[in-house]
């Protein structure tokens, strides 16, 4: 990495901006609350069904975690990307297993 201190600062400023934007959106602060809410709603999917929109926080934390952890090991450089990838794969596998289990239970309940 060419400038780790500046990149660390950039990630931290972006995280602060994300927090502020989510605060403005959640509390619908005038004059930007409605505009931010409408803009961010265009990118929602079923995983962001709660009151807070967290996808952008997760992606930023996954990219910034090697710098925020400030380690000197080579393996630490891949912590964020591996965490996002493995975490996403495990959630998909878990949801697939739950869906399969639910389908089997529904098949048992149906009248013949």
Foldseek 3Di string as FASTA:
>chain_A
DPDLVVVLVVLVVVLVVLVVLQVCCLVVDPPCNVVSVVVVVVVDDPVQPDSTRCPVVLLSCLCCVLSVVPDDDPVSNNRSVVCVVVVVVVVVVVVVVVVVVVVVVVVVPDDD
